[in-house]
């Protein structure tokens, strides 16, 4: 028997021909798939991270939220944020915190 169980004609020459006639698709290629959503989110995250790195910013992670927090910290600091040497980006929430961070970074580099 060459046909799949749900074949209406049951006279296909091969199993592949039966699948082609039924227009079977793979679920992972479906545009409403959760995998597609995760893939698109990853593309957005990495695009944001790439842009931040081009601008000299080193975020705490590659997620879009971490990148946006690092961008906001950079604006307040007046320089590129560096997660390796600066405090966590969410802690640089005011100009006073940014001034203190810049003062501490300058003191540590001397």
PDB file of N, CA and C in Angstrom:
ATOM      1  N   UNK A   1       0.853  -1.173   0.000  1.00  0.00           N
ATOM      2  CA  UNK A   1       0.000   0.000   0.000  1.00  0.00           C
ATOM      3  C   UNK A   1       0.894   1.230   0.000  1.00  0.00           C
ATOM      4  N   UNK A   2       0.731   2.113  -0.979  1.00  0.00           N
ATOM      5  CA  UNK A   2       1.565   3.287  -1.135  1.00  0.00           C
ATOM      6  C   UNK A   2       0.925   4.547  -0.572  1.00  0.00           C
ATOM      7  N   UNK A   3      -0.337   4.543  -0.291  1.00  0.00           N
ATOM      8  CA  UNK A   3      -1.033   5.755   0.130  1.00  0.00           C
ATOM      9  C   UNK A   3      -1.043   5.898   1.644  1.00  0.00           C
ATOM     10  N   UNK A   4      -1.198   7.134   2.059  1.00  0.00           N
ATOM     11  CA  UNK A   4      -1.337   7.415   3.482  1.00  0.00           C
ATOM     12  C   UNK A   4      -2.762   7.062   3.912  1.00  0.00           C
ATOM     13  N   UNK A   5      -2.996   7.032   5.189  1.00  0.00           N
ATOM     14  CA  UNK A   5      -4.284   6.594   5.706  1.00  0.00           C
ATOM     15  C   UNK A   5      -5.435   7.507   5.291  1.00  0.00           C
ATOM     16  N   UNK A   6      -5.200   8.811   5.209  1.00  0.00           N
ATOM     17  CA  UNK A   6      -6.275   9.753   4.890  1.00  0.00           C
ATOM     18  C   UNK A   6      -6.459  10.031   3.410  1.00  0.00           C
ATOM     19  N   UNK A   7      -5.810   9.274   2.524  1.00  0.00           N
ATOM     20  CA  UNK A   7      -5.907   9.513   1.085  1.00  0.00           C
ATOM     21  C   UNK A   7      -7.322   9.215   0.595  1.00  0.00           C
ATOM     22  N   UNK A   8      -7.845  10.121  -0.227  1.00  0.00           N
ATOM     23  CA  UNK A   8      -9.203   9.945  -0.736  1.00  0.00           C
ATOM     24  C   UNK A   8      -9.263   8.994  -1.917  1.00  0.00           C
ATOM     25  N   UNK A   9      -8.212   8.986  -2.754  1.00  0.00           N
ATOM     26  CA  UNK A   9      -8.256   8.167  -3.973  1.00  0.00           C
ATOM     27  C   UNK A   9      -7.678   6.774  -3.782  1.00  0.00           C
ATOM     28  N   UNK A  10      -6.712   6.623  -2.919  1.00  0.00           N
ATOM     29  CA  UNK A  10      -6.045   5.346  -2.631  1.00  0.00           C
ATOM     30  C   UNK A  10      -5.409   4.707  -3.870  1.00  0.00           C
ATOM     31  N   UNK A  11      -5.053   5.506  -4.881  1.00  0.00           N
ATOM     32  CA  UNK A  11      -4.444   4.943  -6.083  1.00  0.00           C
ATOM     33  C   UNK A  11      -3.124   5.636  -6.448  1.00  0.00           C
ATOM     34  N   UNK A  12      -2.451   6.234  -5.477  1.00  0.00           N
ATOM     35  CA  UNK A  12      -1.188   6.945  -5.731  1.00  0.00           C
ATOM     36  C   UNK A  12      -0.082   5.939  -6.030  1.00  0.00           C
ATOM     37  N   UNK A  13       0.838   6.318  -6.901  1.00  0.00           N
ATOM     38  CA  UNK A  13       1.940   5.436  -7.285  1.00  0.00           C
ATOM     39  C   UNK A  13       2.969   5.283  -6.168  1.00  0.00           C
ATOM     40  N   UNK A  14       3.103   6.306  -5.333  1.00  0.00           N
ATOM     41  CA  UNK A  14       4.068   6.235  -4.230  1.00  0.00           C
ATOM     42  C   UNK A  14       3.542   7.044  -3.048  1.00  0.00           C
ATOM     43  N   UNK A  15       4.177   6.825  -1.904  1.00  0.00           N
ATOM     44  CA  UNK A  15       3.794   7.565  -0.710  1.00  0.00           C
ATOM     45  C   UNK A  15       4.082   9.060  -0.902  1.00  0.00           C
ATOM     46  N   UNK A  16       5.211   9.384  -1.549  1.00  0.00           N
ATOM     47  CA  UNK A  16       5.570  10.778  -1.815  1.00  0.00           C
ATOM     48  C   UNK A  16       4.525  11.444  -2.701  1.00  0.00           C
ATOM     49  N   UNK A  17       4.062  10.755  -3.718  1.00  0.00           N
ATOM     50  CA  UNK A  17       3.022  11.310  -4.594  1.00  0.00           C
ATOM     51  C   UNK A  17       1.740  11.561  -3.810  1.00  0.00           C
ATOM     52  N   UNK A  18       1.439  10.665  -2.888  1.00  0.00           N
ATOM     53  CA  UNK A  18       0.254  10.825  -2.052  1.00  0.00           C
ATOM     54  C   UNK A  18       0.374  12.080  -1.181  1.00  0.00           C
ATOM     55  N   UNK A  19       1.561  12.305  -0.601  1.00  0.00           N
ATOM     56  CA  UNK A  19       1.774  13.497   0.218  1.00  0.00           C
ATOM     57  C   UNK A  19       1.681  14.767  -0.624  1.00  0.00           C
ATOM     58  N   UNK A  20       2.274  14.756  -1.825  1.00  0.00           N
ATOM     59  CA  UNK A  20       2.213  15.922  -2.707  1.00  0.00           C
ATOM     60  C   UNK A  20       0.773  16.249  -3.085  1.00  0.00           C
ATOM     61  N   UNK A  21      -0.013  15.247  -3.366  1.00  0.00           N
ATOM     62  CA  UNK A  21      -1.401  15.495  -3.770  1.00  0.00           C
ATOM     63  C   UNK A  21      -2.237  16.033  -2.602  1.00  0.00           C
ATOM     64  N   UNK A  22      -1.817  15.720  -1.377  1.00  0.00           N
ATOM     65  CA  UNK A  22      -2.549  16.195  -0.202  1.00  0.00           C
ATOM     66  C   UNK A  22      -2.057  17.560   0.259  1.00  0.00           C
ATOM     67  N   UNK A  23      -0.979  18.075  -0.345  1.00  0.00           N
ATOM     68  CA  UNK A  23      -0.393  19.378   0.029  1.00  0.00           C
ATOM     69  C   UNK A  23      -0.042  19.438   1.511  1.00  0.00           C
ATOM     70  N   UNK A  24       0.657  18.429   1.983  1.00  0.00           N
ATOM     71  CA  UNK A  24       1.084  18.365   3.378  1.00  0.00           C
ATOM     72  C   UNK A  24       2.200  19.381   3.600  1.00  0.00           C
ATOM     73  N   UNK A  25       2.131  20.147   4.716  1.00  0.00           N
ATOM     74  CA  UNK A  25       3.171  21.114   5.049  1.00  0.00           C
ATOM     75  C   UNK A  25       3.805  20.742   6.392  1.00  0.00           C
ATOM     76  N   UNK A  26       5.002  21.244   6.622  1.00  0.00           N
ATOM     77  CA  UNK A  26       5.701  21.015   7.873  1.00  0.00           C
ATOM     78  C   UNK A  26       5.271  22.099   8.856  1.00  0.00           C
ATOM     79  N   UNK A  27       4.929  21.726  10.073  1.00  0.00           N
ATOM     80  CA  UNK A  27       4.398  22.669  11.063  1.00  0.00           C
ATOM     81  C   UNK A  27       5.387  23.771  11.415  1.00  0.00           C
ATOM     82  N   UNK A  28       6.682  23.500  11.453  1.00  0.00           N
ATOM     83  CA  UNK A  28       7.668  24.502  11.843  1.00  0.00           C
ATOM     84  C   UNK A  28       7.746  25.647  10.828  1.00  0.00           C
ATOM     85  N   UNK A  29       7.285  25.436   9.619  1.00  0.00           N
ATOM     86  CA  UNK A  29       7.311  26.480   8.606  1.00  0.00           C
ATOM     87  C   UNK A  29       6.045  27.319   8.611  1.00  0.00           C
ATOM     88  N   UNK A  30       5.102  26.936   9.400  1.00  0.00           N
ATOM     89  CA  UNK A  30       3.847  27.668   9.512  1.00  0.00           C
ATOM     90  C   UNK A  30       4.123  29.040  10.143  1.00  0.00           C
ATOM     91  N   UNK A  31       3.543  30.093   9.610  1.00  0.00           N
ATOM     92  CA  UNK A  31       3.833  31.445  10.099  1.00  0.00           C
ATOM     93  C   UNK A  31       3.258  31.717  11.488  1.00  0.00           C
ATOM     94  N   UNK A  32       2.364  30.884  11.975  1.00  0.00           N
ATOM     95  CA  UNK A  32       1.801  31.083  13.306  1.00  0.00           C
ATOM     96  C   UNK A  32       2.478  30.198  14.342  1.00  0.00           C
ATOM     97  N   UNK A  33       3.552  29.549  13.983  1.00  0.00           N
ATOM     98  CA  UNK A  33       4.238  28.638  14.883  1.00  0.00           C
ATOM     99  C   UNK A  33       4.941  29.400  16.010  1.00  0.00           C
ATOM    100  N   UNK A  34       4.915  28.868  17.240  1.00  0.00           N
ATOM    101  CA  UNK A  34       5.673  29.485  18.330  1.00  0.00           C
ATOM    102  C   UNK A  34       7.169  29.524  18.031  1.00  0.00           C
ATOM    103  N   UNK A  35       7.661  28.572  17.274  1.00  0.00           N
ATOM    104  CA  UNK A  35       9.078  28.578  16.898  1.00  0.00           C
ATOM    105  C   UNK A  35       9.397  29.785  16.029  1.00  0.00           C
ATOM    106  N   UNK A  36       8.474  30.147  15.165  1.00  0.00           N
ATOM    107  CA  UNK A  36       8.656  31.317  14.314  1.00  0.00           C
ATOM    108  C   UNK A  36       8.692  32.586  15.157  1.00  0.00           C
ATOM    109  N   UNK A  37       7.842  32.658  16.159  1.00  0.00           N
ATOM    110  CA  UNK A  37       7.826  33.812  17.060  1.00  0.00           C
ATOM    111  C   UNK A  37       9.152  33.920  17.814  1.00  0.00           C
ATOM    112  N   UNK A  38       9.650  32.807  18.320  1.00  0.00           N
ATOM    113  CA  UNK A  38      10.926  32.800  19.042  1.00  0.00           C
ATOM    114  C   UNK A  38      12.071  33.193  18.116  1.00  0.00           C
ATOM    115  N   UNK A  39      12.031  32.706  16.899  1.00  0.00           N
ATOM    116  CA  UNK A  39      13.070  33.042  15.929  1.00  0.00           C
ATOM    117  C   UNK A  39      13.070  34.542  15.631  1.00  0.00           C
ATOM    118  N   UNK A  40      11.892  35.102  15.423  1.00  0.00           N
ATOM    119  CA  UNK A  40      11.782  36.541  15.139  1.00  0.00           C
ATOM    120  C   UNK A  40      12.222  37.386  16.335  1.00  0.00           C
ATOM    121  N   UNK A  41      11.894  36.946  17.567  1.00  0.00           N
ATOM    122  CA  UNK A  41      12.319  37.672  18.759  1.00  0.00           C
ATOM    123  C   UNK A  41      13.845  37.636  18.874  1.00  0.00           C
ATOM    124  N   UNK A  42      14.441  36.497  18.589  1.00  0.00           N
ATOM    125  CA  UNK A  42      15.900  36.377  18.635  1.00  0.00           C
ATOM    126  C   UNK A  42      16.553  37.286  17.604  1.00  0.00           C
ATOM    127  N   UNK A  43      15.955  37.362  16.414  1.00  0.00           N
ATOM    128  CA  UNK A  43      16.497  38.267  15.391  1.00  0.00           C
ATOM    129  C   UNK A  43      16.444  39.713  15.866  1.00  0.00           C
ATOM    130  N   UNK A  44      15.333  40.116  16.500  1.00  0.00           N
ATOM    131  CA  UNK A  44      15.213  41.492  17.005  1.00  0.00           C
ATOM    132  C   UNK A  44      16.234  41.752  18.114  1.00  0.00           C
ATOM    133  N   UNK A  45      16.376  40.780  19.036  1.00  0.00           N
ATOM    134  CA  UNK A  45      17.335  40.927  20.125  1.00  0.00           C
ATOM    135  C   UNK A  45      18.759  41.113  19.600  1.00  0.00           C
ATOM    136  N   UNK A  46      19.153  40.259  18.675  1.00  0.00           N
ATOM    137  CA  UNK A  46      20.522  40.313  18.171  1.00  0.00           C
ATOM    138  C   UNK A  46      20.775  41.548  17.313  1.00  0.00           C
ATOM    139  N   UNK A  47      19.755  42.018  16.610  1.00  0.00           N
ATOM    140  CA  UNK A  47      19.908  43.249  15.827  1.00  0.00           C
ATOM    141  C   UNK A  47      20.133  44.437  16.769  1.00  0.00           C
ATOM    142  N   UNK A  48      19.385  44.498  17.868  1.00  0.00           N
ATOM    143  CA  UNK A  48      19.556  45.575  18.844  1.00  0.00           C
ATOM    144  C   UNK A  48      20.937  45.489  19.488  1.00  0.00           C
ATOM    145  N   UNK A  49      21.370  44.283  19.829  1.00  0.00           N
ATOM    146  CA  UNK A  49      22.685  44.089  20.439  1.00  0.00           C
ATOM    147  C   UNK A  49      23.792  44.511  19.475  1.00  0.00           C
ATOM    148  N   UNK A  50      23.663  44.121  18.222  1.00  0.00           N
ATOM    149  CA  UNK A  50      24.668  44.476  17.206  1.00  0.00           C
ATOM    150  C   UNK A  50      24.787  45.996  17.078  1.00  0.00           C
ATOM    151  N   UNK A  51      23.661  46.693  17.051  1.00  0.00           N
ATOM    152  CA  UNK A  51      23.661  48.148  16.953  1.00  0.00           C
ATOM    153  C   UNK A  51      24.332  48.779  18.177  1.00  0.00           C
ATOM    154  N   UNK A  52      24.043  48.252  19.356  1.00  0.00           N
ATOM    155  CA  UNK A  52      24.658  48.772  20.577  1.00  0.00           C
ATOM    156  C   UNK A  52      26.175  48.587  20.542  1.00  0.00           C
ATOM    157  N   UNK A  53      26.622  47.434  20.118  1.00  0.00           N
ATOM    158  CA  UNK A  53      28.064  47.171  20.068  1.00  0.00           C
ATOM    159  C   UNK A  53      28.756  48.084  19.052  1.00  0.00           C
ATOM    160  N   UNK A  54      28.094  48.353  17.939  1.00  0.00           N
ATOM    161  CA  UNK A  54      28.659  49.273  16.943  1.00  0.00           C
ATOM    162  C   UNK A  54      28.830  50.663  17.561  1.00  0.00           C
ATOM    163  N   UNK A  55      27.917  51.036  18.456  1.00  0.00           N
ATOM    164  CA  UNK A  55      27.983  52.342  19.126  1.00  0.00           C
ATOM    165  C   UNK A  55      28.901  52.334  20.345  1.00  0.00           C
ATOM    166  N   UNK A  56      29.586  51.223  20.599  1.00  0.00           N
ATOM    167  CA  UNK A  56      30.532  51.136  21.710  1.00  0.00           C
ATOM    168  C   UNK A  56      29.922  50.746  23.032  1.00  0.00           C
ATOM    169  N   UNK A  57      28.649  50.413  23.046  1.00  0.00           N
ATOM    170  CA  UNK A  57      27.947  50.045  24.279  1.00  0.00           C
ATOM    171  C   UNK A  57      28.099  48.548  24.503  1.00  0.00           C
ATOM    172  N   UNK A  58      28.418  48.159  25.758  1.00  0.00           N
ATOM    173  CA  UNK A  58      28.498  46.745  26.126  1.00  0.00           C
ATOM    174  C   UNK A  58      27.372  46.448  27.109  1.00  0.00           C
ATOM    175  N   UNK A  59      26.223  45.938  26.602  1.00  0.00           N
ATOM    176  CA  UNK A  59      25.097  45.639  27.490  1.00  0.00           C
ATOM    177  C   UNK A  59      25.394  44.440  28.402  1.00  0.00           C
ATOM    178  N   UNK A  60      24.544  44.260  29.392  1.00  0.00           N
ATOM    179  CA  UNK A  60      24.676  43.131  30.314  1.00  0.00           C
ATOM    180  C   UNK A  60      24.274  41.812  29.663  1.00  0.00           C
ATOM    181  N   UNK A  61      23.529  41.869  28.582  1.00  0.00           N
ATOM    182  CA  UNK A  61      23.080  40.665  27.891  1.00  0.00           C
ATOM    183  C   UNK A  61      22.626  41.011  26.488  1.00  0.00           C
ATOM    184  N   UNK A  62      22.142  40.000  25.781  1.00  0.00           N
ATOM    185  CA  UNK A  62      21.737  40.218  24.395  1.00  0.00           C
ATOM    186  C   UNK A  62      20.246  40.481  24.231  1.00  0.00           C
ATOM    187  N   UNK A  63      19.467  40.403  25.300  1.00  0.00           N
ATOM    188  CA  UNK A  63      18.026  40.645  25.157  1.00  0.00           C
ATOM    189  C   UNK A  63      17.785  42.116  24.851  1.00  0.00           C
ATOM    190  N   UNK A  64      16.696  42.373  24.174  1.00  0.00           N
ATOM    191  CA  UNK A  64      16.364  43.741  23.787  1.00  0.00           C
ATOM    192  C   UNK A  64      16.194  44.632  25.017  1.00  0.00           C
ATOM    193  N   UNK A  65      15.645  44.098  26.095  1.00  0.00           N
ATOM    194  CA  UNK A  65      15.457  44.872  27.325  1.00  0.00           C
ATOM    195  C   UNK A  65      16.802  45.284  27.922  1.00  0.00           C
ATOM    196  N   UNK A  66      17.768  44.367  27.953  1.00  0.00           N
ATOM    197  CA  UNK A  66      19.102  44.682  28.476  1.00  0.00           C
ATOM    198  C   UNK A  66      19.793  45.733  27.610  1.00  0.00           C
ATOM    199  N   UNK A  67      19.618  45.612  26.300  1.00  0.00           N
ATOM    200  CA  UNK A  67      20.232  46.575  25.376  1.00  0.00           C
ATOM    201  C   UNK A  67      19.623  47.950  25.578  1.00  0.00           C
ATOM    202  N   UNK A  68      18.298  48.022  25.692  1.00  0.00           N
ATOM    203  CA  UNK A  68      17.630  49.319  25.890  1.00  0.00           C
ATOM    204  C   UNK A  68      18.061  49.954  27.219  1.00  0.00           C
ATOM    205  N   UNK A  69      18.202  49.137  28.267  1.00  0.00           N
ATOM    206  CA  UNK A  69      18.655  49.656  29.560  1.00  0.00           C
ATOM    207  C   UNK A  69      20.070  50.218  29.440  1.00  0.00           C
ATOM    208  N   UNK A  70      20.943  49.536  28.705  1.00  0.00           N
ATOM    209  CA  UNK A  70      22.316  50.011  28.507  1.00  0.00           C
ATOM    210  C   UNK A  70      22.335  51.301  27.690  1.00  0.00           C
ATOM    211  N   UNK A  71      21.438  51.415  26.717  1.00  0.00           N
ATOM    212  CA  UNK A  71      21.357  52.646  25.925  1.00  0.00           C
ATOM    213  C   UNK A  71      20.913  53.820  26.797  1.00  0.00           C
ATOM    214  N   UNK A  72      19.926  53.583  27.670  1.00  0.00           N
ATOM    215  CA  UNK A  72      19.461  54.640  28.578  1.00  0.00           C
ATOM    216  C   UNK A  72      20.578  55.050  29.539  1.00  0.00           C
ATOM    217  N   UNK A  73      21.309  54.069  30.061  1.00  0.00           N
ATOM    218  CA  UNK A  73      22.432  54.367  30.963  1.00  0.00           C
ATOM    219  C   UNK A  73      23.493  55.172  30.226  1.00  0.00           C
ATOM    220  N   UNK A  74      23.741  54.855  28.973  1.00  0.00           N
ATOM    221  CA  UNK A  74      24.734  55.589  28.175  1.00  0.00           C
ATOM    222  C   UNK A  74      24.331  57.049  28.022  1.00  0.00           C
ATOM    223  N   UNK A  75      23.051  57.281  27.808  1.00  0.00           N
ATOM    224  CA  UNK A  75      22.562  58.656  27.674  1.00  0.00           C
ATOM    225  C   UNK A  75      22.787  59.440  28.962  1.00  0.00           C
ATOM    226  N   UNK A  76      22.510  58.801  30.092  1.00  0.00           N
ATOM    227  CA  UNK A  76      22.677  59.477  31.373  1.00  0.00           C
ATOM    228  C   UNK A  76      24.156  59.675  31.705  1.00  0.00           C
ATOM    229  N   UNK A  77      24.991  58.702  31.362  1.00  0.00           N
ATOM    230  CA  UNK A  77      26.422  58.793  31.656  1.00  0.00           C
ATOM    231  C   UNK A  77      27.147  59.781  30.740  1.00  0.00           C
ATOM    232  N   UNK A  78      26.611  59.975  29.555  1.00  0.00           N
ATOM    233  CA  UNK A  78      27.281  60.827  28.587  1.00  0.00           C
ATOM    234  C   UNK A  78      28.429  60.121  27.895  1.00  0.00           C
ATOM    235  N   UNK A  79      28.460  58.820  28.004  1.00  0.00           N
ATOM    236  CA  UNK A  79      29.481  57.984  27.373  1.00  0.00           C
ATOM    237  C   UNK A  79      28.895  56.585  27.185  1.00  0.00           C
ATOM    238  N   UNK A  80      29.622  55.740  26.495  1.00  0.00           N
ATOM    239  CA  UNK A  80      29.136  54.376  26.258  1.00  0.00           C
ATOM    240  C   UNK A  80      29.148  53.572  27.559  1.00  0.00           C
ATOM    241  N   UNK A  81      28.048  52.908  27.839  1.00  0.00           N
ATOM    242  CA  UNK A  81      27.934  52.040  29.012  1.00  0.00           C
ATOM    243  C   UNK A  81      28.742  50.771  28.781  1.00  0.00           C
ATOM    244  N   UNK A  82      29.420  50.300  29.834  1.00  0.00           N
ATOM    245  CA  UNK A  82      30.190  49.059  29.759  1.00  0.00           C
ATOM    246  C   UNK A  82      29.804  48.185  30.948  1.00  0.00           C
ATOM    247  N   UNK A  83      29.110  47.093  30.688  1.00  0.00           N
ATOM    248  CA  UNK A  83      28.636  46.213  31.750  1.00  0.00           C
ATOM    249  C   UNK A  83      29.779  45.558  32.515  1.00  0.00           C
ATOM    250  N   UNK A  84      30.961  45.512  31.920  1.00  0.00           N
ATOM    251  CA  UNK A  84      32.104  44.885  32.588  1.00  0.00           C
ATOM    252  C   UNK A  84      32.667  45.762  33.710  1.00  0.00           C
ATOM    253  N   UNK A  85      32.511  47.080  33.613  1.00  0.00           N
ATOM    254  CA  UNK A  85      33.100  47.978  34.613  1.00  0.00           C
ATOM    255  C   UNK A  85      32.078  48.852  35.331  1.00  0.00           C
ATOM    256  N   UNK A  86      30.955  49.112  34.719  1.00  0.00           N
ATOM    257  CA  UNK A  86      29.925  49.958  35.326  1.00  0.00           C
ATOM    258  C   UNK A  86      28.959  49.113  36.152  1.00  0.00           C
ATOM    259  N   UNK A  87      28.242  49.764  37.095  1.00  0.00           N
ATOM    260  CA  UNK A  87      27.210  49.030  37.833  1.00  0.00           C
ATOM    261  C   UNK A  87      26.074  48.624  36.887  1.00  0.00           C
ATOM    262  N   UNK A  88      25.179  47.742  37.326  1.00  0.00           N
ATOM    263  CA  UNK A  88      24.064  47.345  36.468  1.00  0.00           C
ATOM    264  C   UNK A  88      23.314  48.564  35.912  1.00  0.00           C
ATOM    265  N   UNK A  89      22.928  48.483  34.671  1.00  0.00           N
ATOM    266  CA  UNK A  89      22.324  49.620  33.968  1.00  0.00           C
ATOM    267  C   UNK A  89      21.076  50.142  34.668  1.00  0.00           C
ATOM    268  N   UNK A  90      20.286  49.268  35.266  1.00  0.00           N
ATOM    269  CA  UNK A  90      19.053  49.734  35.916  1.00  0.00           C
ATOM    270  C   UNK A  90      19.341  50.598  37.144  1.00  0.00           C
ATOM    271  N   UNK A  91      20.560  50.533  37.675  1.00  0.00           N
ATOM    272  CA  UNK A  91      20.923  51.350  38.841  1.00  0.00           C
ATOM    273  C   UNK A  91      21.297  52.781  38.446  1.00  0.00           C
ATOM    274  N   UNK A  92      21.597  52.999  37.180  1.00  0.00           N
ATOM    275  CA  UNK A  92      21.943  54.344  36.705  1.00  0.00           C
ATOM    276  C   UNK A  92      20.655  54.987  36.212  1.00  0.00           C
ATOM    277  N   UNK A  93      19.828  55.379  37.179  1.00  0.00           N
ATOM    278  CA  UNK A  93      18.488  55.862  36.842  1.00  0.00           C
ATOM    279  C   UNK A  93      18.346  57.371  36.950  1.00  0.00           C
ATOM    280  N   UNK A  94      19.361  58.041  37.467  1.00  0.00           N
ATOM    281  CA  UNK A  94      19.286  59.495  37.598  1.00  0.00           C
ATOM    282  C   UNK A  94      20.621  60.111  37.196  1.00  0.00           C
ATOM    283  N   UNK A  95      20.609  61.426  37.010  1.00  0.00           N
ATOM    284  CA  UNK A  95      21.858  62.111  36.655  1.00  0.00           C
ATOM    285  C   UNK A  95      22.830  62.065  37.829  1.00  0.00           C
ATOM    286  N   UNK A  96      22.320  62.067  39.053  1.00  0.00           N
ATOM    287  CA  UNK A  96      23.181  61.985  40.229  1.00  0.00           C
ATOM    288  C   UNK A  96      23.894  60.628  40.263  1.00  0.00           C
ATOM    289  N   UNK A  97      23.174  59.558  39.984  1.00  0.00           N
ATOM    290  CA  UNK A  97      23.786  58.231  39.942  1.00  0.00           C
ATOM    291  C   UNK A  97      24.810  58.151  38.822  1.00  0.00           C
ATOM    292  N   UNK A  98      24.524  58.791  37.690  1.00  0.00           N
ATOM    293  CA  UNK A  98      25.456  58.788  36.565  1.00  0.00           C
ATOM    294  C   UNK A  98      26.736  59.540  36.919  1.00  0.00           C
ATOM    295  N   UNK A  99      26.601  60.692  37.599  1.00  0.00           N
ATOM    296  CA  UNK A  99      27.786  61.457  38.014  1.00  0.00           C
ATOM    297  C   UNK A  99      28.640  60.639  38.972  1.00  0.00           C
ATOM    298  N   UNK A 100      27.999  59.984  39.922  1.00  0.00           N
ATOM    299  CA  UNK A 100      28.727  59.156  40.876  1.00  0.00           C
ATOM    300  C   UNK A 100      29.450  58.011  40.159  1.00  0.00           C
ATOM    301  N   UNK A 101      28.772  57.376  39.225  1.00  0.00           N
ATOM    302  CA  UNK A 101      29.370  56.279  38.466  1.00  0.00           C
ATOM    303  C   UNK A 101      30.580  56.770  37.674  1.00  0.00           C
ATOM    304  N   UNK A 102      30.430  57.910  37.012  1.00  0.00           N
ATOM    305  CA  UNK A 102      31.553  58.460  36.250  1.00  0.00           C
ATOM    306  C   UNK A 102      32.731  58.810  37.166  1.00  0.00           C
ATOM    307  N   UNK A 103      32.437  59.360  38.341  1.00  0.00           N
ATOM    308  CA  UNK A 103      33.485  59.708  39.297  1.00  0.00           C
ATOM    309  C   UNK A 103      34.215  58.455  39.777  1.00  0.00           C
ATOM    310  N   UNK A 104      33.464  57.411  40.073  1.00  0.00           N
ATOM    311  CA  UNK A 104      34.057  56.153  40.554  1.00  0.00           C
ATOM    312  C   UNK A 104      34.857  55.471  39.439  1.00  0.00           C
ATOM    313  N   UNK A 105      34.360  55.518  38.220  1.00  0.00           N
ATOM    314  CA  UNK A 105      35.070  54.909  37.085  1.00  0.00           C
ATOM    315  C   UNK A 105      36.382  55.639  36.841  1.00  0.00           C
ATOM    316  N   UNK A 106      36.356  56.971  36.911  1.00  0.00           N
ATOM    317  CA  UNK A 106      37.584  57.762  36.727  1.00  0.00           C
ATOM    318  C   UNK A 106      38.575  57.500  37.842  1.00  0.00           C
ATOM    319  N   UNK A 107      38.092  57.365  39.089  1.00  0.00           N
ATOM    320  CA  UNK A 107      38.972  57.121  40.239  1.00  0.00           C
ATOM    321  C   UNK A 107      39.635  55.748  40.120  1.00  0.00           C
ATOM    322  N   UNK A 108      38.891  54.748  39.633  1.00  0.00           N
ATOM    323  CA  UNK A 108      39.434  53.399  39.489  1.00  0.00           C
ATOM    324  C   UNK A 108      40.440  53.294  38.350  1.00  0.00           C
ATOM    325  N   UNK A 109      40.310  54.149  37.347  1.00  0.00           N
ATOM    326  CA  UNK A 109      41.217  54.070  36.196  1.00  0.00           C
ATOM    327  C   UNK A 109      42.537  54.795  36.441  1.00  0.00           C
ATOM    328  N   UNK A 110      42.580  55.626  37.479  1.00  0.00           N
ATOM    329  CA  UNK A 110      43.814  56.379  37.764  1.00  0.00           C
ATOM    330  C   UNK A 110      44.734  55.625  38.664  1.00  0.00           C
TER     331      UNK A 110
END
